[in-house]
Amino acid sequence: MNNAFILKNGKLLDPRQGRLLDGYEIAVRDGYVQDVRQGATECQGAQVIDLQGRTVMPGLIDAHVHIYMNEANIAGLGQVSPTYMAAKSTVVLRGMLQRGFTTVRDVAGGDYGMRDAIEAQYVEAPRLFMGGRAVSQTGGHGDFRNRAESGYGCACCTGLSLFSVMADGVPEVVKAVREELRKGADHIKIMLSGGVASPNDPLYSLQYREDEIDAAVQEATRWGSYVCAHAYSDEAVRRGIELGVRTIEHGNFLTPETAAIMAEKEAFLVPTLIVYEVNKRLGPASGKSPDSLAKNEQVHAAGLKSLGICEKAGVRIGFGTDLSMHTQHYQCEGLAIQAGALSNEAVIRSATLVNAAILRQEGKLGELVPGAYADLLVVDGNPYDDITVFDAEGTNLRVIMKQGRLYKFDL
């Protein structure tokens, strides 16, 4: 297999400048970008790829996925064999890569086994950053037991243990966080408010006491990691940010005052607008209960507004989707949904540079610069003019390369 390429006669999408650059060539060797320059570049023994005027850009990053969420009924996942679930997830992952997402961040469920399998190239998939099980209080957003179930025993025996672990009080939170870090988690996810999919908690409920949140943040920080938090209500967002949470997942009901604190603390917002749109569009066919669909109406209406608030405050806004297996084909439509509040340039920056910063991979992901991973796409059209070029399941993508390996070549 060729390990060196020169891409020429294309238009380079630079997310930092927010424009296409003519006359640039890109040299790739051994999985990394070796050179990017205006005019001819050199790379001995390289395969030359003539882009014929098409756009070449960094691979996309989705910062909020659940690779094992491959059933509509989340509570029923406890009855699914983990090996079956893992095998099924390879279909999900392959689809993400073929839609142009060369990196994803799993924020509840993804584990070191799948990450290692991807790195060993046993699975055709995006690069995976994973947080293991989300940490939830009893009755919180990570507790999917129905009301008739009176206990869950230890986490290792819990049907839903792949996705979440219940931890109450500082000692349990500390132990849960340490356990996920021990297993190689890149980040820690905690639940700070009610959610759409969880059956028992009100959307505006506040979850975890301040000392419990602080314990999770301190443990992750000491490990050199960080905490991301599921939070919808303004108070839940504010509590998390003030206690050191680094990324807020969803954040639909935050206010300008809280957004200002986020900007001051250099925190990130990862919106997931497409999942609300899909739930609204599909209704009961989404697999959500009537109660969940009612909560979805509330968050759907507030989603775009929160992006405008954060952009005005100077908060860095990422991009996420939060879809399950039967709705993954809507993934790229999430870009267009987010463009309902932000410019196309800002949305592409969210799905490249900002998400790379969330992953602490600046200079490695999200842009095509010397030393970066050779994660790139060649696309028909100009995404800055028409962000829907990513729709239609990657049909407009002519080349998909991840770390120097070609996963699609149609030129």
Protein backbone atom coordinates (compact mmCIF):
# COMPACT_ATOMS: atom_id res chain seq x y z
CA MET A 1 0.00 0.00 0.00
CA ASN A 2 1.29 3.43 -0.96
CA ASN A 3 2.24 5.50 2.08
CA ALA A 4 2.96 8.76 0.27
CA PHE A 5 0.69 11.07 -1.73
CA ILE A 6 0.73 14.49 -3.35
CA LEU A 7 -2.66 16.15 -3.81
CA LYS A 8 -2.64 18.92 -6.41
CA ASN A 9 -4.95 21.05 -8.55
CA GLY A 10 -7.46 21.46 -5.76
CA LYS A 11 -8.82 24.22 -3.57
CA LEU A 12 -7.64 23.98 0.03
CA LEU A 13 -10.30 24.70 2.64
CA ASP A 14 -8.61 26.50 5.51
CA PRO A 15 -10.93 26.61 8.54
CA ARG A 16 -8.76 29.21 10.26
CA GLN A 17 -9.17 31.72 7.46
CA GLY A 18 -12.66 30.56 6.55
CA ARG A 19 -11.98 30.46 2.83
CA LEU A 20 -10.72 28.31 -0.03
CA LEU A 21 -7.09 28.74 -1.11
CA ASP A 22 -6.05 28.18 -4.73
CA GLY A 23 -2.75 26.80 -5.93
CA TYR A 24 -1.78 24.78 -2.86
CA GLU A 25 -0.37 21.26 -2.88
CA ILE A 26 -0.42 18.80 0.03
CA ALA A 27 2.21 16.14 0.59
CA VAL A 28 1.38 13.14 2.79
CA ARG A 29 3.80 10.54 4.07
CA ASP A 30 3.45 7.75 6.65
CA GLY A 31 0.07 8.96 7.84
CA TYR A 32 0.97 12.61 8.42
CA VAL A 33 0.87 15.82 6.44
CA GLN A 34 4.46 16.40 5.40
CA ASP A 35 4.10 19.70 3.55
CA VAL A 36 1.44 22.22 2.51
CA ARG A 37 2.54 24.99 0.22
CA GLN A 38 1.48 27.24 -2.60
CA GLY A 39 3.02 25.85 -5.74
CA ALA A 40 4.72 22.50 -6.26
CA THR A 41 5.73 20.35 -3.31
CA GLU A 42 7.99 17.30 -3.26
CA CYS A 43 7.48 13.87 -1.75
CA GLN A 44 9.70 11.13 -3.11
CA GLY A 45 7.86 8.11 -4.49
CA ALA A 46 4.46 9.67 -3.86
CA GLN A 47 1.29 8.82 -5.73
CA VAL A 48 0.05 12.03 -7.36
CA ILE A 49 -3.68 12.70 -7.00
CA ASP A 50 -5.13 15.29 -9.38
CA LEU A 51 -8.14 16.84 -7.65
CA GLN A 52 -9.34 18.54 -10.86
CA GLY A 53 -10.43 21.70 -9.06
CA ARG A 54 -12.30 20.02 -6.21
CA THR A 55 -12.18 21.08 -2.57
CA VAL A 56 -9.76 19.35 -0.19
CA MET A 57 -10.39 19.86 3.51
CA PRO A 58 -9.69 18.38 6.95
CA GLY A 59 -11.75 15.39 8.02
CA LEU A 60 -14.81 16.21 10.09
CA ILE A 61 -15.04 15.59 13.84
CA ASP A 62 -18.23 14.68 15.72
CA ALA A 63 -17.75 15.48 19.41
CA HIS A 64 -20.89 13.80 20.75
CA VAL A 65 -21.62 10.24 19.65
CA HIS A 66 -22.64 6.96 21.26
CA ILE A 67 -21.18 4.14 19.23
CA TYR A 68 -23.03 1.42 21.18
CA MET A 69 -26.39 3.21 21.24
CA ASN A 70 -27.64 0.91 18.51
CA GLU A 71 -31.16 0.26 19.73
CA ALA A 72 -34.06 2.74 19.81
CA ASN A 73 -35.03 1.54 23.30
CA ILE A 74 -32.08 2.55 25.47
CA ALA A 75 -33.40 0.72 28.54
CA GLY A 76 -33.51 -2.49 26.49
CA LEU A 77 -29.81 -2.38 25.77
CA GLY A 78 -29.17 -4.22 29.02
CA GLN A 79 -30.65 -7.30 27.38
CA VAL A 80 -28.26 -7.18 24.40
CA SER A 81 -25.07 -9.23 24.33
CA PRO A 82 -22.00 -6.96 24.48
CA THR A 83 -20.36 -8.89 21.66
CA TYR A 84 -23.46 -8.48 19.48
CA MET A 85 -23.54 -4.79 20.36
CA ALA A 86 -19.87 -4.37 19.47
CA ALA A 87 -20.32 -6.13 16.14
CA LYS A 88 -23.34 -3.98 15.33
CA SER A 89 -21.42 -0.84 16.24
CA THR A 90 -18.87 -1.54 13.50
CA VAL A 91 -21.65 -0.80 11.00
CA VAL A 92 -22.33 2.51 12.79
CA LEU A 93 -18.64 3.42 12.77
CA ARG A 94 -18.10 2.52 9.13
CA GLY A 95 -21.05 4.72 8.19
CA MET A 96 -19.61 7.66 10.15
CA LEU A 97 -16.30 7.35 8.32
CA GLN A 98 -18.00 7.14 4.94
CA ARG A 99 -19.86 10.35 5.76
CA GLY A 100 -16.53 12.12 6.25
CA PHE A 101 -16.16 11.94 10.03
CA THR A 102 -12.58 10.79 10.50
CA THR A 103 -12.66 11.36 14.29
CA VAL A 104 -15.44 10.99 16.85
CA ARG A 105 -15.71 11.48 20.61
CA ASP A 106 -17.93 9.00 22.43
CA VAL A 107 -19.52 10.46 25.55
CA ALA A 108 -21.09 7.39 27.15
CA GLY A 109 -20.39 3.78 26.29
CA GLY A 110 -17.36 3.74 24.04
CA ASP A 111 -14.59 1.64 25.51
CA TYR A 112 -10.89 0.93 25.17
CA GLY A 113 -11.53 -2.36 23.38
CA MET A 114 -13.16 -0.72 20.38
CA ARG A 115 -10.62 2.11 20.41
CA ASP A 116 -7.78 -0.42 20.39
CA ALA A 117 -9.43 -2.42 17.60
CA ILE A 118 -9.72 0.72 15.49
CA GLU A 119 -6.11 1.69 16.11
CA ALA A 120 -5.04 -1.83 15.14
CA GLN A 121 -7.08 -1.42 11.91
CA TYR A 122 -9.37 -4.37 12.64
CA VAL A 123 -12.33 -2.03 12.20
CA GLU A 124 -12.93 0.50 9.42
CA ALA A 125 -13.88 3.45 11.56
CA PRO A 126 -13.12 7.02 12.61
CA ARG A 127 -10.43 7.66 15.20
CA LEU A 128 -12.14 7.20 18.55
CA PHE A 129 -11.80 9.25 21.73
CA MET A 130 -13.83 7.61 24.48
CA GLY A 131 -14.95 8.29 28.03
CA GLY A 132 -16.16 4.86 29.08
CA ARG A 133 -19.25 4.86 31.25
CA ALA A 134 -20.95 8.13 32.15
CA VAL A 135 -21.19 8.81 35.88
CA SER A 136 -24.74 9.46 37.09
CA GLN A 137 -26.50 9.82 40.42
CA THR A 138 -29.26 7.38 41.27
CA GLY A 139 -32.39 8.52 39.45
CA GLY A 140 -30.33 10.75 37.17
CA HIS A 141 -29.95 10.88 33.42
CA GLY A 142 -27.81 7.75 33.41
CA ASP A 143 -30.38 5.69 35.34
CA PHE A 144 -32.68 4.01 32.82
CA ARG A 145 -34.36 1.58 35.20
CA ASN A 146 -38.13 1.68 35.23
CA ARG A 147 -39.83 2.64 38.47
CA ALA A 148 -40.67 -0.96 39.32
CA GLU A 149 -37.00 -1.90 39.60
CA SER A 150 -35.86 -1.48 43.17
CA GLY A 151 -32.10 -1.93 42.86
CA TYR A 152 -29.20 -2.23 40.51
CA GLY A 153 -26.51 -3.97 42.55
CA CYS A 154 -22.89 -3.36 41.70
CA ALA A 155 -21.98 -1.65 38.46
CA CYS A 156 -20.36 -4.76 37.03
CA CYS A 157 -23.70 -6.58 37.21
CA THR A 158 -25.85 -3.77 35.86
CA GLY A 159 -27.42 -4.30 32.46
CA LEU A 160 -26.66 -0.74 31.48
CA SER A 161 -23.16 -0.77 32.93
CA LEU A 162 -21.69 -0.31 29.46
CA PHE A 163 -23.22 3.19 29.28
CA SER A 164 -23.38 4.50 32.81
CA VAL A 165 -22.49 3.81 36.40
CA MET A 166 -24.53 5.03 39.36
CA ALA A 167 -22.44 6.76 42.00
CA ASP A 168 -23.83 8.66 45.00
CA GLY A 169 -21.73 10.71 47.38
CA VAL A 170 -18.12 11.80 47.04
CA PRO A 171 -16.47 8.41 47.75
CA GLU A 172 -18.56 6.64 45.09
CA VAL A 173 -18.03 9.41 42.54
CA VAL A 174 -14.28 9.35 43.13
CA LYS A 175 -14.17 5.57 42.73
CA ALA A 176 -16.30 5.65 39.56
CA VAL A 177 -14.13 8.30 37.95
CA ARG A 178 -10.92 6.51 38.88
CA GLU A 179 -12.27 3.27 37.45
CA GLU A 180 -13.02 4.82 34.05
CA LEU A 181 -9.62 6.53 33.98
CA ARG A 182 -7.97 3.22 34.89
CA LYS A 183 -9.59 1.69 31.82
CA GLY A 184 -8.14 4.37 29.56
CA ALA A 185 -10.90 6.98 29.33
CA ASP A 186 -9.86 10.09 27.42
CA HIS A 187 -12.40 12.17 29.36
CA ILE A 188 -15.05 11.75 32.05
CA LYS A 189 -18.77 12.32 31.45
CA ILE A 190 -21.06 13.29 34.33
CA MET A 191 -24.79 13.96 34.33
CA LEU A 192 -25.80 17.31 35.81
CA SER A 193 -29.45 17.66 34.75
CA GLY A 194 -32.45 15.76 33.53
CA GLY A 195 -32.53 14.57 29.96
CA VAL A 196 -34.83 13.77 27.08
CA ALA A 197 -34.30 10.00 26.91
CA SER A 198 -34.13 9.15 30.63
CA PRO A 199 -37.52 8.01 31.95
CA ASN A 200 -37.68 9.34 35.50
CA ASP A 201 -35.92 12.68 35.87
CA PRO A 202 -37.55 16.05 35.14
CA LEU A 203 -35.71 18.00 32.46
CA TYR A 204 -34.90 20.87 34.84
CA SER A 205 -33.76 18.69 37.72
CA LEU A 206 -30.34 19.50 39.18
CA GLN A 207 -28.17 16.44 39.55
CA TYR A 208 -25.16 15.97 41.82
CA ARG A 209 -24.22 18.21 44.70
CA GLU A 210 -21.39 20.69 44.32
CA ASP A 211 -18.99 18.54 46.35
CA GLU A 212 -19.69 15.55 44.08
CA ILE A 213 -19.11 17.60 40.92
CA ASP A 214 -15.92 19.04 42.39
CA ALA A 215 -14.69 15.54 43.24
CA ALA A 216 -15.17 14.35 39.65
CA VAL A 217 -13.38 17.39 38.25
CA GLN A 218 -10.48 17.11 40.67
CA GLU A 219 -9.96 13.41 39.94
CA ALA A 220 -10.02 13.93 36.19
CA THR A 221 -7.69 16.94 36.42
CA ARG A 222 -5.16 15.08 38.52
CA TRP A 223 -5.08 12.39 35.85
CA GLY A 224 -4.46 14.98 33.13
CA SER A 225 -7.97 14.56 31.77
CA TYR A 226 -11.14 16.66 31.91
CA VAL A 227 -14.87 16.46 32.59
CA CYS A 228 -17.68 16.94 30.10
CA ALA A 229 -21.18 17.30 31.46
CA HIS A 230 -24.68 16.60 30.24
CA ALA A 231 -26.57 19.75 31.22
CA TYR A 232 -29.71 21.43 29.88
CA SER A 233 -30.86 23.99 32.43
CA ASP A 234 -29.07 27.26 32.96
CA GLU A 235 -28.37 26.49 36.61
CA ALA A 236 -26.99 23.06 35.80
CA VAL A 237 -24.66 24.57 33.20
CA ARG A 238 -23.52 27.32 35.55
CA ARG A 239 -22.83 24.98 38.47
CA GLY A 240 -20.74 22.74 36.27
CA ILE A 241 -18.71 25.54 34.69
CA GLU A 242 -18.01 27.26 38.00
CA LEU A 243 -16.70 23.96 39.40
CA GLY A 244 -14.36 23.32 36.48
CA VAL A 245 -16.35 21.31 33.92
CA ARG A 246 -14.63 21.86 30.58
CA THR A 247 -17.32 21.04 28.02
CA ILE A 248 -21.09 21.35 28.26
CA GLU A 249 -23.09 18.86 26.24
CA HIS A 250 -26.41 20.32 24.98
CA GLY A 251 -26.79 23.50 27.11
CA ASN A 252 -30.08 24.47 25.45
CA PHE A 253 -31.47 26.65 28.24
CA LEU A 254 -28.36 28.63 29.17
CA THR A 255 -28.63 32.41 29.54
CA PRO A 256 -26.32 35.21 28.37
CA GLU A 257 -25.02 35.57 31.93
CA THR A 258 -23.97 31.93 32.06
CA ALA A 259 -22.52 32.10 28.57
CA ALA A 260 -20.32 34.98 29.75
CA ILE A 261 -18.99 32.76 32.55
CA MET A 262 -18.32 29.98 30.04
CA ALA A 263 -16.32 32.37 27.88
CA GLU A 264 -14.36 33.61 30.90
CA LYS A 265 -13.57 30.02 31.96
CA GLU A 266 -12.68 29.07 28.36
CA ALA A 267 -15.27 26.30 28.41
CA PHE A 268 -16.84 24.75 25.32
CA LEU A 269 -20.42 24.14 24.25
CA VAL A 270 -21.16 20.97 22.27
CA PRO A 271 -24.68 21.34 20.84
CA THR A 272 -26.58 18.35 19.48
CA LEU A 273 -29.36 19.99 17.50
CA ILE A 274 -29.95 17.26 14.95
CA VAL A 275 -31.16 14.71 17.50
CA TYR A 276 -34.05 16.98 18.56
CA GLU A 277 -35.01 17.60 14.95
CA VAL A 278 -34.99 13.88 14.20
CA ASN A 279 -37.05 13.06 17.30
CA LYS A 280 -39.59 15.72 16.32
CA ARG A 281 -39.70 14.54 12.72
CA LEU A 282 -40.11 10.86 13.53
CA GLY A 283 -42.32 11.18 16.61
CA PRO A 284 -43.21 7.77 18.07
CA ALA A 285 -41.18 6.08 15.30
CA SER A 286 -38.08 7.50 16.98
CA GLY A 287 -38.57 4.95 19.75
CA LYS A 288 -39.03 7.69 22.36
CA SER A 289 -41.83 7.56 24.92
CA PRO A 290 -44.58 10.22 24.99
CA ASP A 291 -42.87 11.80 28.03
CA SER A 292 -39.54 11.95 26.20
CA LEU A 293 -41.14 13.45 23.10
CA ALA A 294 -42.76 16.14 25.26
CA LYS A 295 -39.35 17.00 26.73
CA ASN A 296 -37.89 16.98 23.23
CA GLU A 297 -40.32 19.73 22.22
CA GLN A 298 -38.87 21.99 24.90
CA VAL A 299 -35.22 21.46 24.01
CA HIS A 300 -35.89 21.60 20.26
CA ALA A 301 -37.35 25.08 20.53
CA ALA A 302 -34.43 26.38 22.62
CA GLY A 303 -31.52 24.82 20.72
CA LEU A 304 -30.78 27.41 18.03
CA LYS A 305 -31.24 30.25 20.49
CA SER A 306 -28.50 28.90 22.77
CA LEU A 307 -26.01 28.94 19.89
CA GLY A 308 -26.69 32.59 19.20
CA ILE A 309 -26.23 33.41 22.88
CA CYS A 310 -22.92 31.56 23.04
CA GLU A 311 -21.58 33.01 19.81
CA LYS A 312 -22.32 36.54 21.02
CA ALA A 313 -20.55 35.83 24.34
CA GLY A 314 -17.47 34.42 22.61
CA VAL A 315 -17.95 30.82 23.76
CA ARG A 316 -16.23 28.25 21.56
CA ILE A 317 -18.94 26.11 19.99
CA GLY A 318 -18.24 22.56 18.88
CA PHE A 319 -20.38 20.16 16.89
CA GLY A 320 -22.12 16.96 18.02
CA THR A 321 -25.03 14.76 16.96
CA ASP A 322 -26.08 12.32 19.76
CA LEU A 323 -27.86 9.99 17.31
CA SER A 324 -28.63 6.29 17.75
CA MET A 325 -28.01 3.62 15.14
CA HIS A 326 -31.35 3.84 13.31
CA THR A 327 -30.96 7.61 12.89
CA GLN A 328 -27.23 7.83 12.11
CA HIS A 329 -27.93 8.63 8.46
CA TYR A 330 -29.01 12.10 9.62
CA GLN A 331 -25.51 12.84 10.97
CA CYS A 332 -24.39 15.26 8.25
CA GLU A 333 -27.73 17.04 8.30
CA GLY A 334 -26.68 18.21 11.74
CA LEU A 335 -24.23 20.59 10.07
CA ALA A 336 -27.02 22.28 8.13
CA ILE A 337 -29.21 22.44 11.25
CA GLN A 338 -26.42 24.18 13.16
CA ALA A 339 -26.02 26.57 10.23
CA GLY A 340 -29.52 27.81 11.08
CA ALA A 341 -27.88 29.81 13.87
CA LEU A 342 -24.27 30.17 12.71
CA SER A 343 -22.55 30.86 9.41
CA ASN A 344 -21.35 27.97 7.26
CA GLU A 345 -17.79 29.05 8.04
CA ALA A 346 -18.47 28.90 11.78
CA VAL A 347 -20.11 25.46 11.56
CA ILE A 348 -17.18 24.00 9.62
CA ARG A 349 -14.80 25.56 12.15
CA SER A 350 -16.88 23.90 14.91
CA ALA A 351 -16.58 20.47 13.26
CA THR A 352 -12.84 20.85 12.67
CA LEU A 353 -10.74 23.30 14.69
CA VAL A 354 -13.01 23.73 17.70
CA ASN A 355 -13.63 20.02 18.12
CA ALA A 356 -9.89 19.41 17.75
CA ALA A 357 -9.33 21.84 20.62
CA ILE A 358 -11.94 20.01 22.70
CA LEU A 359 -9.95 16.82 22.11
CA ARG A 360 -6.70 18.63 22.93
CA GLN A 361 -5.44 17.76 19.47
CA GLU A 362 -4.63 21.22 18.11
CA GLY A 363 -2.17 20.95 15.25
CA LYS A 364 -2.94 17.23 14.88
CA LEU A 365 -6.61 17.28 13.91
CA GLY A 366 -9.01 19.76 12.34
CA GLU A 367 -6.63 21.36 9.84
CA LEU A 368 -4.17 20.36 7.15
CA VAL A 369 -0.81 21.63 8.33
CA PRO A 370 2.63 19.99 8.49
CA GLY A 371 2.71 17.44 11.31
CA ALA A 372 -1.06 16.92 11.41
CA TYR A 373 -2.64 13.54 10.88
CA ALA A 374 -3.43 13.05 7.20
CA ASP A 375 -7.18 13.07 7.76
CA LEU A 376 -8.73 14.69 4.73
CA LEU A 377 -11.73 14.80 2.43
CA VAL A 378 -12.09 15.71 -1.22
CA VAL A 379 -15.56 17.02 -1.92
CA ASP A 380 -17.48 18.24 -4.94
CA GLY A 381 -18.51 21.86 -4.42
CA ASN A 382 -17.70 24.55 -1.90
CA PRO A 383 -18.94 23.79 1.64
CA TYR A 384 -18.74 27.47 2.52
CA ASP A 385 -21.33 28.22 -0.16
CA ASP A 386 -23.46 25.12 0.41
CA ILE A 387 -23.00 23.14 3.60
CA THR A 388 -25.45 20.50 2.39
CA VAL A 389 -22.70 19.07 0.16
CA PHE A 390 -22.05 16.71 3.09
CA ASP A 391 -25.59 15.33 3.00
CA ALA A 392 -26.72 12.25 1.05
CA GLU A 393 -24.56 9.80 3.00
CA GLY A 394 -21.25 11.09 1.66
CA THR A 395 -22.21 10.87 -2.02
CA ASN A 396 -20.36 14.12 -2.76
CA LEU A 397 -17.18 12.93 -1.06
CA ARG A 398 -14.72 11.71 -3.68
CA VAL A 399 -11.81 10.91 -1.36
CA ILE A 400 -11.78 9.95 2.32
CA MET A 401 -8.36 9.57 3.92
CA LYS A 402 -7.67 8.84 7.59
CA GLN A 403 -4.08 8.94 8.79
CA GLY A 404 -2.80 8.46 5.27
CA ARG A 405 -5.02 5.46 4.43
CA LEU A 406 -7.59 5.74 1.66
CA TYR A 407 -11.08 4.62 2.65
CA LYS A 408 -12.75 6.03 -0.44
CA PHE A 409 -11.24 6.99 -3.79
CA ASP A 410 -13.59 8.03 -6.58
CA LEU A 411 -11.79 10.42 -8.93
